[in-house]
Amino acid sequence: MIIHKAEFLASNTDYRKCPKLDKPEYAFIGRSNVGKSSLINYLLNRKNLARVSSTPGKTRLINHFLVNDAWVLVDLPGYGYARISKTEREKWEIMIHNYITKREDLLLTFILIDSRIEFKESDKNMINWFGEKQLPFAIVFTKSDKLSPNQLASNIAAVKKNLLQFWEELPPMYITSTVTGKGCDDILSFIAENNKIWEASN
């Protein structure tokens, strides 16, 4: 898929106020500072469409971007160790859960995991929550260029082994780097395939 056009549409805290476009929608979520904004910017071939920050918790709203006038990318707030109050974190969780479970246009959510670090409990809980709710998702490993091939393979194998304790079949997985571009075309191709399925059924 070639990205010809990508534009910011709106930011909201309530899924009911999100734009109604009748187009396939894909959300991106991950622990704070997982590299989500950098990945979104790379995928959409834009430098600063999604805000990049070294400070965890920069994204605090549900952000919608229209791509090629054909599909929608949604940047969700991160979870994990952002420096926010417990009350604010609970509001985020309600906002995110409502959007993911009730947004009719949402086809699939990409859950981002930092490939450099040990599989976190918060990541496992998020993935298992998607399973409990029977919601479609894919896993995206970020920052793969920061590791040696052997270390990368070892870390990803550990995640798979952990998940297979709870899952009979693993979801689609992508290994990415916004430095080398690794895996990004694969994600866009996956989205293109799902767009065709959506178009055929609408």
Protein backbone atom coordinates (compact mmCIF):
# COMPACT_ATOMS: atom_id res chain seq x y z
CA MET A 1 0.00 0.00 0.00
CA ILE A 2 1.28 3.46 -0.94
CA ILE A 3 0.24 6.29 1.37
CA HIS A 4 -0.82 9.25 -0.76
CA LYS A 5 -2.64 11.21 1.90
CA ALA A 6 -2.93 11.22 5.69
CA GLU A 7 -4.70 13.89 7.70
CA PHE A 8 -5.64 14.43 11.31
CA LEU A 9 -9.40 14.39 11.86
CA ALA A 10 -10.25 14.76 15.53
CA SER A 11 -9.35 14.04 19.16
CA ASN A 12 -11.92 12.85 21.67
CA THR A 13 -12.32 11.28 25.09
CA ASP A 14 -15.68 9.66 24.28
CA TYR A 15 -16.11 6.99 21.59
CA ARG A 16 -19.59 8.36 20.88
CA LYS A 17 -18.09 11.66 19.74
CA CYS A 18 -15.53 10.09 17.38
CA PRO A 19 -15.99 10.81 13.66
CA LYS A 20 -18.59 8.69 11.85
CA LEU A 21 -17.00 7.89 8.50
CA ASP A 22 -18.24 4.39 7.66
CA LYS A 23 -14.68 3.35 6.84
CA PRO A 24 -12.52 0.53 8.21
CA GLU A 25 -10.71 1.62 11.35
CA TYR A 26 -7.48 0.32 12.92
CA ALA A 27 -6.32 1.28 16.41
CA PHE A 28 -2.76 1.31 17.77
CA ILE A 29 -2.09 0.87 21.47
CA GLY A 30 0.84 -0.06 23.69
CA ARG A 31 2.66 0.65 26.91
CA SER A 32 3.79 4.21 27.40
CA ASN A 33 6.95 4.98 25.42
CA VAL A 34 6.73 1.83 23.29
CA GLY A 35 7.38 3.84 20.12
CA LYS A 36 3.78 4.08 18.98
CA SER A 37 3.87 7.62 17.60
CA SER A 38 7.12 6.95 15.73
CA LEU A 39 5.59 3.85 14.14
CA ILE A 40 2.42 5.69 13.14
CA ASN A 41 4.43 8.49 11.56
CA TYR A 42 6.55 5.97 9.65
CA LEU A 43 3.55 4.00 8.41
CA LEU A 44 1.81 7.14 7.21
CA ASN A 45 5.00 8.62 5.72
CA ARG A 46 4.75 11.75 7.83
CA LYS A 47 7.27 13.24 10.25
CA ASN A 48 5.05 14.77 12.91
CA LEU A 49 1.48 13.64 12.31
CA ALA A 50 1.46 11.78 15.62
CA ARG A 51 3.31 13.50 18.45
CA VAL A 52 6.58 11.86 19.42
CA SER A 53 7.86 12.34 22.94
CA SER A 54 10.38 10.78 25.31
CA THR A 55 7.89 11.50 28.10
CA PRO A 56 5.51 8.56 28.71
CA GLY A 57 1.81 9.39 28.52
CA LYS A 58 2.02 12.10 25.86
CA THR A 59 -1.03 10.74 24.02
CA ARG A 60 -4.06 11.37 26.22
CA LEU A 61 -6.91 11.33 23.72
CA ILE A 62 -8.41 9.09 21.05
CA ASN A 63 -6.83 10.54 17.89
CA HIS A 64 -8.29 9.79 14.46
CA PHE A 65 -6.37 10.06 11.17
CA LEU A 66 -7.94 9.58 7.73
CA VAL A 67 -5.62 7.73 5.33
CA ASN A 68 -5.94 7.81 1.52
CA ASP A 69 -9.56 8.88 2.06
CA ALA A 70 -10.18 5.15 2.46
CA TRP A 71 -9.42 4.00 6.00
CA VAL A 72 -8.84 5.36 9.49
CA LEU A 73 -5.88 4.97 11.85
CA VAL A 74 -6.52 5.60 15.53
CA ASP A 75 -3.81 6.53 18.02
CA LEU A 76 -4.87 5.47 21.53
CA PRO A 77 -3.32 6.55 24.87
CA GLY A 78 -0.66 4.23 26.22
CA TYR A 79 -0.99 2.06 29.29
CA GLY A 80 1.57 1.19 31.93
CA TYR A 81 3.78 3.61 33.83
CA ALA A 82 2.85 7.05 32.56
CA ARG A 83 3.29 9.68 35.26
CA ILE A 84 -0.36 10.39 35.86
CA SER A 85 -2.60 10.09 38.89
CA LYS A 86 -4.54 6.92 39.67
CA THR A 87 -7.79 8.76 38.97
CA GLU A 88 -6.54 9.93 35.58
CA ARG A 89 -5.31 6.44 34.74
CA GLU A 90 -8.71 4.97 35.59
CA LYS A 91 -10.37 7.52 33.29
CA TRP A 92 -7.99 6.48 30.50
CA GLU A 93 -8.82 2.82 31.02
CA ILE A 94 -12.56 3.46 30.85
CA MET A 95 -12.12 5.65 27.76
CA ILE A 96 -9.98 3.04 25.99
CA HIS A 97 -12.13 0.05 26.95
CA ASN A 98 -15.32 1.79 25.83
CA TYR A 99 -13.78 2.71 22.50
CA ILE A 100 -12.36 -0.76 21.80
CA THR A 101 -15.51 -2.67 22.82
CA LYS A 102 -18.18 -0.30 21.47
CA ARG A 103 -16.72 1.40 18.40
CA GLU A 104 -18.57 -0.18 15.47
CA ASP A 105 -16.09 0.92 12.78
CA LEU A 106 -13.08 -0.65 14.56
CA LEU A 107 -11.87 -3.70 12.62
CA LEU A 108 -8.70 -4.54 14.51
CA THR A 109 -6.29 -3.24 17.14
CA PHE A 110 -2.51 -3.43 16.88
CA ILE A 111 -0.98 -4.03 20.32
CA LEU A 112 2.60 -2.76 20.40
CA ILE A 113 5.28 -4.47 22.49
CA ASP A 114 8.83 -3.21 23.02
CA SER A 115 11.03 -6.02 21.68
CA ARG A 116 14.01 -4.89 23.77
CA ILE A 117 12.58 -5.66 27.19
CA GLU A 118 11.09 -8.53 29.15
CA PHE A 119 7.42 -9.28 28.46
CA LYS A 120 5.49 -7.08 30.86
CA GLU A 121 2.48 -8.08 32.94
CA SER A 122 0.56 -5.09 31.59
CA ASP A 123 1.12 -6.31 28.00
CA LYS A 124 0.03 -9.83 28.89
CA ASN A 125 -3.06 -8.55 30.66
CA MET A 126 -4.02 -6.38 27.69
CA ILE A 127 -3.60 -9.26 25.23
CA ASN A 128 -5.57 -11.67 27.42
CA TRP A 129 -8.30 -9.05 27.87
CA PHE A 130 -8.69 -8.91 24.08
CA GLY A 131 -8.99 -12.69 24.14
CA GLU A 132 -11.62 -12.66 26.86
CA LYS A 133 -13.65 -10.09 24.92
CA GLN A 134 -13.05 -11.99 21.65
CA LEU A 135 -11.75 -8.87 19.94
CA PRO A 136 -9.53 -9.03 16.83
CA PHE A 137 -5.96 -7.85 17.26
CA ALA A 138 -2.39 -8.24 16.05
CA ILE A 139 0.88 -7.89 17.94
CA VAL A 140 3.60 -5.51 16.77
CA PHE A 141 7.11 -5.76 18.21
CA THR A 142 8.81 -2.36 18.07
CA LYS A 143 12.45 -1.16 18.11
CA SER A 144 13.84 -4.40 16.68
CA ASP A 145 16.94 -2.57 15.37
CA LYS A 146 18.14 -2.06 18.95
CA LEU A 147 18.91 -5.78 19.42
CA SER A 148 21.11 -8.40 17.87
CA PRO A 149 19.23 -10.94 15.72
CA ASN A 150 19.78 -13.64 18.36
CA GLN A 151 18.55 -11.48 21.24
CA LEU A 152 15.54 -10.36 19.23
CA ALA A 153 14.63 -13.95 18.37
CA SER A 154 15.06 -14.97 22.01
CA ASN A 155 12.83 -12.18 23.32
CA ILE A 156 10.06 -12.88 20.83
CA ALA A 157 10.25 -16.61 21.52
CA ALA A 158 9.79 -15.86 25.23
CA VAL A 159 6.65 -13.84 24.50
CA LYS A 160 5.21 -16.61 22.33
CA LYS A 161 5.97 -19.23 24.96
CA ASN A 162 4.25 -17.13 27.62
CA LEU A 163 1.16 -16.56 25.50
CA LEU A 164 0.84 -20.21 24.52
CA GLN A 165 0.09 -20.95 28.16
CA PHE A 166 -3.26 -19.22 27.58
CA TRP A 167 -3.77 -19.32 23.80
CA GLU A 168 -4.25 -22.29 21.49
CA GLU A 169 -3.37 -20.14 18.48
CA LEU A 170 -1.33 -16.95 18.40
CA PRO A 171 -2.52 -13.77 16.65
CA PRO A 172 -0.70 -12.22 13.68
CA MET A 173 2.69 -10.83 14.73
CA TYR A 174 4.93 -8.21 13.11
CA ILE A 175 8.52 -7.31 13.95
CA THR A 176 9.19 -3.64 13.17
CA SER A 177 11.75 -0.88 13.20
CA THR A 178 11.19 2.74 12.27
CA VAL A 179 14.95 3.04 11.69
CA THR A 180 15.24 0.30 9.06
CA GLY A 181 11.58 0.14 8.01
CA LYS A 182 11.43 -3.55 8.89
CA GLY A 183 7.89 -4.94 9.03
CA CYS A 184 6.12 -1.68 8.19
CA ASP A 185 5.17 -2.66 4.63
CA ASP A 186 3.84 -5.93 6.02
CA ILE A 187 1.51 -4.06 8.37
CA LEU A 188 0.24 -1.86 5.54
CA SER A 189 -0.32 -4.93 3.35
CA PHE A 190 -2.25 -6.57 6.18
CA ILE A 191 -4.42 -3.46 6.48
CA ALA A 192 -4.96 -3.40 2.70
CA GLU A 193 -6.11 -7.04 2.77
CA ASN A 194 -8.57 -6.31 5.56
CA ASN A 195 -9.84 -3.23 3.70
CA LYS A 196 -10.70 -5.44 0.71
CA ILE A 197 -12.60 -7.83 2.97
CA TRP A 198 -14.46 -4.91 4.53
CA GLU A 199 -15.33 -3.44 1.12
CA ALA A 200 -16.62 -6.78 -0.12
CA SER A 201 -18.97 -7.08 2.85
CA ASN A 202 -20.33 -3.51 2.71
